[in-house]
Every structure is written in structure tokens, then in C-alpha cells.
Amino acid sequence: MSNSIKMVRMLGAVSLLCGLLIVVTHVNTLSRIRHNQETIMKESVAQLLPGIQKQIIYGVEPNGDLTIQAGIESEGKRYLIAGYDSGGKLLGVVIEGSERGYADVITAMYAYSPEQKTVTGFSVIEMRETPGLGDRINKDANFLENFKALDASHPIKTVKHGTKKEPWEIDAISGATISSRAVGRLLDKSVQETVPVIEKNLDRIQRGN
């Protein structure tokens, strides 16, 4: 009985120590992870909005109102990034979205022009698609051409490679149809959820306050 009690106490102490180590590790790495996420975010925004000199991160509240954030405050909370030139003119709004692809979830950012009502740029920030096939959604020049002026006033859809006829259609990559269609779903869902928020708050976003 005495040995059993000692063993239980030892296991309890080891479990407590392991728990403390996990918590300490999480706390110590969380700030670094968030810093890396914000670095990737800023690089993507600069790529999507050439000429950007200032950016404001707006958190989206459940009622559609916006609040200015110092950074990405918490995972799962919707946000927008408004970009401005040196004169304070709105260049566009960058939005993050995600969708299940062939291998895993694809997370991407895209630029939206409220004035033109078009998607003007697209960049994948995280994916695990098949090398040489699905991962071409982030580097195939012809595919990325879809997002220079993609009509977002109409439901966005991906079509078979070579059959694009409408400005709201995405010409899929031959051999990577599943990943291409995931991008179409990502954009269509995100645009439908986010554009009404942008339109509701457009005057404020244009003022940058």
C-alpha cells in the first residue's frame, strides 16, 4: 500500500510538471507565432496592394460594425485590412479566407476593390496541396491572371480549363481542378460574407478611421 501511494504521488507530480511545461511553452511561443503571422500578413498585403503606405486592421463584430485593431487579436475573429497610398487614398481591402482543398485546408488572402467591385489579387498563405499540381494555385501565372479583375458582383465559380467566358469565372489549372475549385469556393463564400460589411462601412474605411 505504501509503495502504491508513493507511485500515485510520483505520477501526480510528473503530470503536474508536464502540465506546467506545456503551459510555459505555449505562453513563450504564442507571441513568436503571432509575430510570424503578422509578418506574413504584412508581406501579403504589400504584394496584393502595390504602393501601400498605410494599413488599418478592422475587426468585424457580429453585427457587422468595425473596430480598429492593433494586430490580429485572436484566431477565428474576422478582420479586414484597408490599404492606403501616401495621400491617404484607399487602394483596396485585403481579406482572408479558407476552404478545404485536395489535401487540407487552403488559407489565402485576396485584395478587393470596393470601387470596381472586383478581386484584384490573390495569394495563398498556407496550404498542403500536392507539390507540382495543387500547389500551382499560388505560382501558376495563367491561374493568377484570373484575379487581376475578377468580377465579385456575381457569384464566383471555377470552370474547366480553357472554358472561361465570363468575368466572374476562374479558369482552372489543368491537372489541379480540385484545388482550383476550392479557390473558387473560398472566394465566393468570403465575398458574400464580407462585401456587405465593407459596403456598410465604406465611408468610414475610405476616411481611415
C-alpha atoms as a PDB file:
ATOM      1  CA  MET A   1       0.000   0.000   0.000  1.00  0.00           C
ATOM      2  CA  SER A   2       2.819   2.358   0.885  1.00  0.00           C
ATOM      3  CA  ASN A   3       4.525   1.760  -2.474  1.00  0.00           C
ATOM      4  CA  SER A   4       1.242   2.358  -4.314  1.00  0.00           C
ATOM      5  CA  ILE A   5       0.749   5.703  -2.573  1.00  0.00           C
ATOM      6  CA  LYS A   6       4.305   6.747  -3.417  1.00  0.00           C
ATOM      7  CA  MET A   7       3.776   5.784  -7.055  1.00  0.00           C
ATOM      8  CA  VAL A   8       0.500   7.736  -7.243  1.00  0.00           C
ATOM      9  CA  ARG A   9       2.207  10.780  -5.707  1.00  0.00           C
ATOM     10  CA  MET A  10       5.104  10.497  -8.131  1.00  0.00           C
ATOM     11  CA  LEU A  11       2.795  10.182 -11.120  1.00  0.00           C
ATOM     12  CA  GLY A  12       0.818  13.167  -9.874  1.00  0.00           C
ATOM     13  CA  ALA A  13       3.997  15.233  -9.537  1.00  0.00           C
ATOM     14  CA  VAL A  14       5.193  14.221 -13.021  1.00  0.00           C
ATOM     15  CA  SER A  15       1.776  15.070 -14.524  1.00  0.00           C
ATOM     16  CA  LEU A  16       1.793  18.463 -12.797  1.00  0.00           C
ATOM     17  CA  LEU A  17       5.313  19.190 -14.051  1.00  0.00           C
ATOM     18  CA  CYS A  18       4.390  18.182 -17.606  1.00  0.00           C
ATOM     19  CA  GLY A  19       1.306  20.393 -17.477  1.00  0.00           C
ATOM     20  CA  LEU A  20       3.360  23.361 -16.286  1.00  0.00           C
ATOM     21  CA  LEU A  21       5.938  22.794 -19.023  1.00  0.00           C
ATOM     22  CA  ILE A  22       3.202  22.705 -21.672  1.00  0.00           C
ATOM     23  CA  VAL A  23       1.688  25.963 -20.391  1.00  0.00           C
ATOM     24  CA  VAL A  24       5.071  27.712 -20.208  1.00  0.00           C
ATOM     25  CA  THR A  25       6.000  26.550 -23.712  1.00  0.00           C
ATOM     26  CA  HIS A  26       2.660  27.731 -25.090  1.00  0.00           C
ATOM     27  CA  VAL A  27       2.988  31.166 -23.477  1.00  0.00           C
ATOM     28  CA  ASN A  28       6.586  31.587 -24.623  1.00  0.00           C
ATOM     29  CA  THR A  29       5.882  30.593 -28.240  1.00  0.00           C
ATOM     30  CA  LEU A  30       2.492  32.298 -28.685  1.00  0.00           C
ATOM     31  CA  SER A  31       3.936  35.780 -29.116  1.00  0.00           C
ATOM     32  CA  ARG A  32       6.504  34.476 -31.603  1.00  0.00           C
ATOM     33  CA  ILE A  33       3.809  32.666 -33.603  1.00  0.00           C
ATOM     34  CA  ARG A  34       1.654  35.803 -33.706  1.00  0.00           C
ATOM     35  CA  HIS A  35       4.674  37.886 -34.746  1.00  0.00           C
ATOM     36  CA  ASN A  36       5.385  35.486 -37.609  1.00  0.00           C
ATOM     37  CA  GLN A  37       1.710  35.521 -38.634  1.00  0.00           C
ATOM     38  CA  GLU A  38       1.689  39.327 -38.726  1.00  0.00           C
ATOM     39  CA  THR A  39       4.923  39.382 -40.736  1.00  0.00           C
ATOM     40  CA  ILE A  40       3.415  37.041 -43.336  1.00  0.00           C
ATOM     41  CA  MET A  41       0.236  39.109 -43.324  1.00  0.00           C
ATOM     42  CA  LYS A  42       2.088  42.399 -43.935  1.00  0.00           C
ATOM     43  CA  GLU A  43       4.148  40.873 -46.742  1.00  0.00           C
ATOM     44  CA  SER A  44       0.991  39.521 -48.388  1.00  0.00           C
ATOM     45  CA  VAL A  45      -0.803  42.868 -48.080  1.00  0.00           C
ATOM     46  CA  ALA A  46       2.150  44.695 -49.658  1.00  0.00           C
ATOM     47  CA  GLN A  47       2.115  42.194 -52.519  1.00  0.00           C
ATOM     48  CA  LEU A  48      -1.636  42.469 -53.036  1.00  0.00           C
ATOM     49  CA  LEU A  49      -1.806  46.278 -52.815  1.00  0.00           C
ATOM     50  CA  PRO A  50       1.228  47.734 -54.626  1.00  0.00           C
ATOM     51  CA  GLY A  51       2.038  51.256 -53.459  1.00  0.00           C
ATOM     52  CA  ILE A  52       0.554  50.807 -50.000  1.00  0.00           C
ATOM     53  CA  GLN A  53       1.949  53.211 -47.406  1.00  0.00           C
ATOM     54  CA  LYS A  54      -0.524  52.757 -44.578  1.00  0.00           C
ATOM     55  CA  GLN A  55      -2.785  49.973 -43.420  1.00  0.00           C
ATOM     56  CA  ILE A  56      -5.572  49.709 -40.873  1.00  0.00           C
ATOM     57  CA  ILE A  57      -6.775  46.400 -39.463  1.00  0.00           C
ATOM     58  CA  TYR A  58     -10.511  46.378 -38.772  1.00  0.00           C
ATOM     59  CA  GLY A  59     -12.054  43.659 -36.647  1.00  0.00           C
ATOM     60  CA  VAL A  60     -15.550  42.634 -37.783  1.00  0.00           C
ATOM     61  CA  GLU A  61     -18.101  42.496 -34.999  1.00  0.00           C
ATOM     62  CA  PRO A  62     -21.069  40.059 -35.098  1.00  0.00           C
ATOM     63  CA  ASN A  63     -23.428  42.942 -36.021  1.00  0.00           C
ATOM     64  CA  GLY A  64     -21.231  43.979 -38.964  1.00  0.00           C
ATOM     65  CA  ASP A  65     -19.668  47.003 -37.281  1.00  0.00           C
ATOM     66  CA  LEU A  66     -15.899  47.532 -37.407  1.00  0.00           C
ATOM     67  CA  THR A  67     -13.366  48.141 -34.657  1.00  0.00           C
ATOM     68  CA  ILE A  68      -9.760  49.182 -35.225  1.00  0.00           C
ATOM     69  CA  GLN A  69      -7.243  46.573 -34.043  1.00  0.00           C
ATOM     70  CA  ALA A  70      -3.542  46.885 -33.314  1.00  0.00           C
ATOM     71  CA  GLY A  71      -2.998  43.457 -34.882  1.00  0.00           C
ATOM     72  CA  ILE A  72      -4.600  40.065 -35.351  1.00  0.00           C
ATOM     73  CA  GLU A  73      -6.070  39.804 -31.872  1.00  0.00           C
ATOM     74  CA  SER A  74      -7.426  36.276 -31.865  1.00  0.00           C
ATOM     75  CA  GLU A  75      -7.783  33.315 -34.193  1.00  0.00           C
ATOM     76  CA  GLY A  76     -11.231  32.837 -35.604  1.00  0.00           C
ATOM     77  CA  LYS A  77     -12.195  36.519 -35.451  1.00  0.00           C
ATOM     78  CA  ARG A  78     -12.963  38.051 -38.830  1.00  0.00           C
ATOM     79  CA  TYR A  79     -10.925  41.056 -39.901  1.00  0.00           C
ATOM     80  CA  LEU A  80     -10.264  43.320 -42.875  1.00  0.00           C
ATOM     81  CA  ILE A  81      -7.113  45.193 -43.813  1.00  0.00           C
ATOM     82  CA  ALA A  82      -7.619  48.519 -45.568  1.00  0.00           C
ATOM     83  CA  GLY A  83      -4.618  49.823 -47.517  1.00  0.00           C
ATOM     84  CA  TYR A  84      -3.906  53.460 -48.418  1.00  0.00           C
ATOM     85  CA  ASP A  85      -1.384  55.300 -50.583  1.00  0.00           C
ATOM     86  CA  SER A  86       0.833  58.177 -49.408  1.00  0.00           C
ATOM     87  CA  GLY A  87      -2.035  60.626 -49.943  1.00  0.00           C
ATOM     88  CA  GLY A  88      -4.471  58.617 -47.834  1.00  0.00           C
ATOM     89  CA  LYS A  89      -6.488  57.288 -50.774  1.00  0.00           C
ATOM     90  CA  LEU A  90      -7.974  53.828 -50.296  1.00  0.00           C
ATOM     91  CA  LEU A  91      -6.190  51.346 -52.570  1.00  0.00           C
ATOM     92  CA  GLY A  92      -8.312  48.367 -51.627  1.00  0.00           C
ATOM     93  CA  VAL A  93      -9.264  45.965 -48.865  1.00  0.00           C
ATOM     94  CA  VAL A  94      -7.436  42.712 -48.146  1.00  0.00           C
ATOM     95  CA  ILE A  95      -9.484  39.810 -46.812  1.00  0.00           C
ATOM     96  CA  GLU A  96      -8.501  36.384 -45.503  1.00  0.00           C
ATOM     97  CA  GLY A  97     -10.463  33.246 -46.325  1.00  0.00           C
ATOM     98  CA  SER A  98     -10.091  29.476 -46.135  1.00  0.00           C
ATOM     99  CA  GLU A  99     -11.553  26.407 -47.801  1.00  0.00           C
ATOM    100  CA  ARG A 100     -10.909  22.683 -47.889  1.00  0.00           C
ATOM    101  CA  GLY A 101      -8.707  21.706 -50.833  1.00  0.00           C
ATOM    102  CA  TYR A 102      -7.482  18.327 -52.056  1.00  0.00           C
ATOM    103  CA  ALA A 103      -5.094  17.570 -49.183  1.00  0.00           C
ATOM    104  CA  ASP A 104      -6.021  20.038 -46.454  1.00  0.00           C
ATOM    105  CA  VAL A 105      -7.439  23.483 -45.790  1.00  0.00           C
ATOM    106  CA  ILE A 106      -6.218  26.267 -48.083  1.00  0.00           C
ATOM    107  CA  THR A 107      -5.837  29.667 -46.400  1.00  0.00           C
ATOM    108  CA  ALA A 108      -5.426  32.671 -48.637  1.00  0.00           C
ATOM    109  CA  MET A 109      -5.655  36.452 -48.752  1.00  0.00           C
ATOM    110  CA  TYR A 110      -7.108  38.450 -51.604  1.00  0.00           C
ATOM    111  CA  ALA A 111      -7.488  42.120 -52.485  1.00  0.00           C
ATOM    112  CA  TYR A 112     -10.907  43.598 -53.180  1.00  0.00           C
ATOM    113  CA  SER A 113     -11.664  46.923 -54.844  1.00  0.00           C
ATOM    114  CA  PRO A 114     -14.904  48.455 -53.460  1.00  0.00           C
ATOM    115  CA  GLU A 115     -14.868  50.955 -56.321  1.00  0.00           C
ATOM    116  CA  GLN A 116     -14.638  48.366 -59.097  1.00  0.00           C
ATOM    117  CA  LYS A 117     -16.331  45.544 -57.150  1.00  0.00           C
ATOM    118  CA  THR A 118     -13.602  43.172 -58.285  1.00  0.00           C
ATOM    119  CA  VAL A 119     -10.989  40.892 -56.787  1.00  0.00           C
ATOM    120  CA  THR A 120      -7.658  42.414 -57.830  1.00  0.00           C
ATOM    121  CA  GLY A 121      -5.140  39.995 -56.334  1.00  0.00           C
ATOM    122  CA  PHE A 122      -4.818  36.597 -54.683  1.00  0.00           C
ATOM    123  CA  SER A 123      -2.121  34.944 -52.571  1.00  0.00           C
ATOM    124  CA  VAL A 124      -2.077  31.619 -50.697  1.00  0.00           C
ATOM    125  CA  ILE A 125      -0.557  31.909 -47.222  1.00  0.00           C
ATOM    126  CA  GLU A 126      -0.941  28.307 -46.076  1.00  0.00           C
ATOM    127  CA  MET A 127      -1.661  25.016 -47.838  1.00  0.00           C
ATOM    128  CA  ARG A 128      -0.580  21.384 -48.134  1.00  0.00           C
ATOM    129  CA  GLU A 129      -1.667  20.703 -51.700  1.00  0.00           C
ATOM    130  CA  THR A 130       0.171  18.173 -53.890  1.00  0.00           C
ATOM    131  CA  PRO A 131       3.583  19.529 -54.987  1.00  0.00           C
ATOM    132  CA  GLY A 132       3.685  20.192 -58.716  1.00  0.00           C
ATOM    133  CA  LEU A 133      -0.114  20.013 -59.040  1.00  0.00           C
ATOM    134  CA  GLY A 134      -2.363  21.614 -56.420  1.00  0.00           C
ATOM    135  CA  ASP A 135       0.337  23.933 -55.141  1.00  0.00           C
ATOM    136  CA  ARG A 136       0.347  25.641 -58.553  1.00  0.00           C
ATOM    137  CA  ILE A 137      -2.602  27.766 -57.369  1.00  0.00           C
ATOM    138  CA  ASN A 138      -0.042  30.075 -55.782  1.00  0.00           C
ATOM    139  CA  LYS A 139       2.506  30.286 -58.594  1.00  0.00           C
ATOM    140  CA  ASP A 140       0.896  29.470 -61.950  1.00  0.00           C
ATOM    141  CA  ALA A 141       0.975  32.777 -63.863  1.00  0.00           C
ATOM    142  CA  ASN A 142      -2.049  31.941 -66.012  1.00  0.00           C
ATOM    143  CA  PHE A 143      -4.108  30.961 -62.971  1.00  0.00           C
ATOM    144  CA  LEU A 144      -3.157  34.102 -61.042  1.00  0.00           C
ATOM    145  CA  GLU A 145      -4.205  36.144 -64.076  1.00  0.00           C
ATOM    146  CA  ASN A 146      -7.787  35.265 -63.074  1.00  0.00           C
ATOM    147  CA  PHE A 147      -7.522  37.562 -60.074  1.00  0.00           C
ATOM    148  CA  LYS A 148      -6.420  40.813 -61.662  1.00  0.00           C
ATOM    149  CA  ALA A 149     -10.031  41.866 -62.310  1.00  0.00           C
ATOM    150  CA  LEU A 150     -12.354  39.067 -61.166  1.00  0.00           C
ATOM    151  CA  ASP A 151     -15.949  40.285 -61.074  1.00  0.00           C
ATOM    152  CA  ALA A 152     -17.187  39.951 -57.489  1.00  0.00           C
ATOM    153  CA  SER A 153     -20.657  41.397 -58.107  1.00  0.00           C
ATOM    154  CA  HIS A 154     -21.752  37.986 -59.402  1.00  0.00           C
ATOM    155  CA  PRO A 155     -21.344  34.542 -57.742  1.00  0.00           C
ATOM    156  CA  ILE A 156     -17.767  33.411 -58.412  1.00  0.00           C
ATOM    157  CA  LYS A 157     -17.234  29.941 -59.864  1.00  0.00           C
ATOM    158  CA  THR A 158     -14.369  27.872 -61.224  1.00  0.00           C
ATOM    159  CA  VAL A 159     -14.765  26.399 -64.705  1.00  0.00           C
ATOM    160  CA  LYS A 160     -12.881  23.742 -66.636  1.00  0.00           C
ATOM    161  CA  HIS A 161      -9.558  24.886 -68.019  1.00  0.00           C
ATOM    162  CA  GLY A 162      -9.988  26.723 -71.302  1.00  0.00           C
ATOM    163  CA  THR A 163     -13.748  27.303 -70.970  1.00  0.00           C
ATOM    164  CA  LYS A 164     -13.811  30.649 -69.155  1.00  0.00           C
ATOM    165  CA  LYS A 165     -16.235  33.076 -70.818  1.00  0.00           C
ATOM    166  CA  GLU A 166     -17.481  35.348 -68.016  1.00  0.00           C
ATOM    167  CA  PRO A 167     -15.544  37.879 -65.873  1.00  0.00           C
ATOM    168  CA  TRP A 168     -16.689  36.155 -62.673  1.00  0.00           C
ATOM    169  CA  GLU A 169     -15.345  32.759 -63.741  1.00  0.00           C
ATOM    170  CA  ILE A 170     -11.977  31.287 -62.724  1.00  0.00           C
ATOM    171  CA  ASP A 171     -10.126  29.301 -65.374  1.00  0.00           C
ATOM    172  CA  ALA A 172      -8.979  26.142 -63.540  1.00  0.00           C
ATOM    173  CA  ILE A 173      -5.483  24.687 -63.733  1.00  0.00           C
ATOM    174  CA  SER A 174      -5.382  21.547 -65.852  1.00  0.00           C
ATOM    175  CA  GLY A 175      -4.490  18.653 -63.532  1.00  0.00           C
ATOM    176  CA  ALA A 176      -5.326  20.640 -60.377  1.00  0.00           C
ATOM    177  CA  THR A 177      -9.078  21.015 -60.739  1.00  0.00           C
ATOM    178  CA  ILE A 178      -9.915  20.195 -57.107  1.00  0.00           C
ATOM    179  CA  SER A 179      -7.545  22.844 -55.742  1.00  0.00           C
ATOM    180  CA  SER A 180      -8.764  25.342 -58.362  1.00  0.00           C
ATOM    181  CA  ARG A 181     -12.386  24.736 -57.416  1.00  0.00           C
ATOM    182  CA  ALA A 182     -11.503  25.157 -53.737  1.00  0.00           C
ATOM    183  CA  VAL A 183     -10.169  28.633 -54.558  1.00  0.00           C
ATOM    184  CA  GLY A 184     -13.439  29.460 -56.308  1.00  0.00           C
ATOM    185  CA  ARG A 185     -15.486  28.342 -53.304  1.00  0.00           C
ATOM    186  CA  LEU A 186     -13.177  30.221 -50.938  1.00  0.00           C
ATOM    187  CA  LEU A 187     -13.591  33.484 -52.829  1.00  0.00           C
ATOM    188  CA  ASP A 188     -17.315  33.144 -53.427  1.00  0.00           C
ATOM    189  CA  LYS A 189     -18.069  32.371 -49.778  1.00  0.00           C
ATOM    190  CA  SER A 190     -15.757  35.068 -48.437  1.00  0.00           C
ATOM    191  CA  VAL A 191     -17.033  37.740 -50.844  1.00  0.00           C
ATOM    192  CA  GLN A 192     -20.650  37.006 -49.965  1.00  0.00           C
ATOM    193  CA  GLU A 193     -19.869  37.242 -46.244  1.00  0.00           C
ATOM    194  CA  THR A 194     -17.538  40.237 -46.321  1.00  0.00           C
ATOM    195  CA  VAL A 195     -18.543  42.608 -49.123  1.00  0.00           C
ATOM    196  CA  PRO A 196     -21.817  43.591 -47.345  1.00  0.00           C
ATOM    197  CA  VAL A 197     -19.707  44.552 -44.296  1.00  0.00           C
ATOM    198  CA  ILE A 198     -17.400  46.651 -46.491  1.00  0.00           C
ATOM    199  CA  GLU A 199     -20.336  48.387 -48.186  1.00  0.00           C
ATOM    200  CA  LYS A 200     -21.979  49.101 -44.828  1.00  0.00           C
ATOM    201  CA  ASN A 201     -18.794  50.722 -43.503  1.00  0.00           C
ATOM    202  CA  LEU A 202     -17.337  52.071 -46.760  1.00  0.00           C
ATOM    203  CA  ASP A 203     -17.414  55.752 -45.808  1.00  0.00           C
ATOM    204  CA  ARG A 204     -15.501  55.011 -42.631  1.00  0.00           C
ATOM    205  CA  ILE A 205     -12.994  52.762 -44.407  1.00  0.00           C
ATOM    206  CA  GLN A 206     -12.355  55.431 -47.040  1.00  0.00           C
ATOM    207  CA  ARG A 207     -11.739  58.001 -44.293  1.00  0.00           C
ATOM    208  CA  GLY A 208      -9.449  55.564 -42.484  1.00  0.00           C
ATOM    209  CA  ASN A 209     -10.850  55.999 -39.003  1.00  0.00           C
END
